[in-house]
Amino acid sequence: MQQEYDSTNKRRNISYRPMGELIRGLFFIVFGLYALLAERMGWGKLSLPQELIYALGGVLCAYGLYRVYRGIKQLFF
């Protein structure tokens, strides 16, 4: 009986931490894509070497995907 109440109560209480993980992850992905695509799309020129821009964009996108994965894992599993 108590276990059933705990599982239903757990679904009702939405934690804000996983939502924060999702939002931060999306911001990191957007910033990573901006770093990768800014010069090609004509949005601006970053004053860093091209290799560093690619590395930074890749790391930001990868970290953003990790954050999104953690947020989804905490929300649904």
Protein backbone atom coordinates (compact mmCIF):
# COMPACT_ATOMS: atom_id res chain seq x y z
CA MET A 1 0.00 0.00 0.00
CA GLN A 2 2.74 2.46 0.98
CA GLN A 3 4.82 1.57 -2.08
CA GLU A 4 1.85 2.21 -4.37
CA TYR A 5 1.27 5.61 -2.74
CA ASP A 6 4.96 6.51 -3.09
CA SER A 7 5.05 5.69 -6.79
CA THR A 8 1.93 7.71 -7.60
CA ASN A 9 3.07 10.58 -5.39
CA LYS A 10 6.46 10.57 -7.11
CA ARG A 11 4.82 11.18 -10.49
CA ARG A 12 2.73 14.05 -9.15
CA ASN A 13 5.65 15.98 -7.71
CA ILE A 14 7.49 17.38 -10.69
CA SER A 15 11.04 18.24 -9.84
CA TYR A 16 12.45 21.39 -11.39
CA ARG A 17 16.01 20.11 -11.54
CA PRO A 18 15.48 17.84 -14.59
CA MET A 19 13.72 20.71 -16.37
CA GLY A 20 16.75 22.88 -15.64
CA GLU A 21 19.00 20.18 -17.06
CA LEU A 22 16.97 20.14 -20.27
CA ILE A 23 16.98 23.92 -20.64
CA ARG A 24 20.71 24.24 -19.92
CA GLY A 25 21.40 21.43 -22.36
CA LEU A 26 19.45 23.18 -25.09
CA PHE A 27 21.37 26.41 -24.44
CA PHE A 28 24.69 24.57 -24.74
CA ILE A 29 23.58 22.95 -28.00
CA VAL A 30 22.46 26.30 -29.42
CA PHE A 31 25.75 27.99 -28.46
CA GLY A 32 27.72 25.09 -29.92
CA LEU A 33 25.81 25.28 -33.18
CA TYR A 34 26.33 29.04 -33.26
CA ALA A 35 30.07 28.56 -32.84
CA LEU A 36 30.10 26.00 -35.65
CA LEU A 37 27.84 27.82 -38.10
CA ALA A 38 28.26 31.55 -37.40
CA GLU A 39 30.88 32.25 -40.03
CA ARG A 40 29.27 30.05 -42.70
CA MET A 41 25.83 31.60 -42.26
CA GLY A 42 27.14 35.17 -42.15
CA TRP A 43 26.03 35.83 -38.55
CA GLY A 44 29.43 37.07 -37.46
CA LYS A 45 33.08 36.19 -37.27
CA LEU A 46 34.64 34.82 -34.11
CA SER A 47 38.19 35.99 -33.48
CA LEU A 48 39.58 32.53 -32.74
CA PRO A 49 41.47 30.06 -34.90
CA GLN A 50 39.15 27.84 -36.93
CA GLU A 51 40.39 24.63 -35.26
CA LEU A 52 39.60 26.04 -31.82
CA ILE A 53 36.14 27.12 -32.96
CA TYR A 54 35.38 23.61 -34.22
CA ALA A 55 36.67 22.06 -31.00
CA LEU A 56 34.69 24.50 -28.85
CA GLY A 57 31.51 23.97 -30.88
CA GLY A 58 31.87 20.21 -30.70
CA VAL A 59 32.47 20.21 -26.95
CA LEU A 60 29.52 22.53 -26.34
CA CYS A 61 27.19 20.37 -28.44
CA ALA A 62 28.38 17.16 -26.79
CA TYR A 63 27.96 18.62 -23.30
CA GLY A 64 24.51 19.91 -24.24
CA LEU A 65 23.47 16.46 -25.43
CA TYR A 66 24.74 14.99 -22.15
CA ARG A 67 22.67 17.51 -20.17
CA VAL A 68 19.56 16.76 -22.22
CA TYR A 69 20.12 13.02 -21.72
CA ARG A 70 20.42 13.47 -17.93
CA GLY A 71 17.29 15.61 -17.82
CA ILE A 72 15.24 13.09 -19.80
CA LYS A 73 16.59 10.24 -17.69
CA GLN A 74 15.61 11.98 -14.45
CA LEU A 75 12.16 12.95 -15.72
CA PHE A 76 11.04 9.68 -17.24
CA PHE A 77 13.13 6.85 -15.78
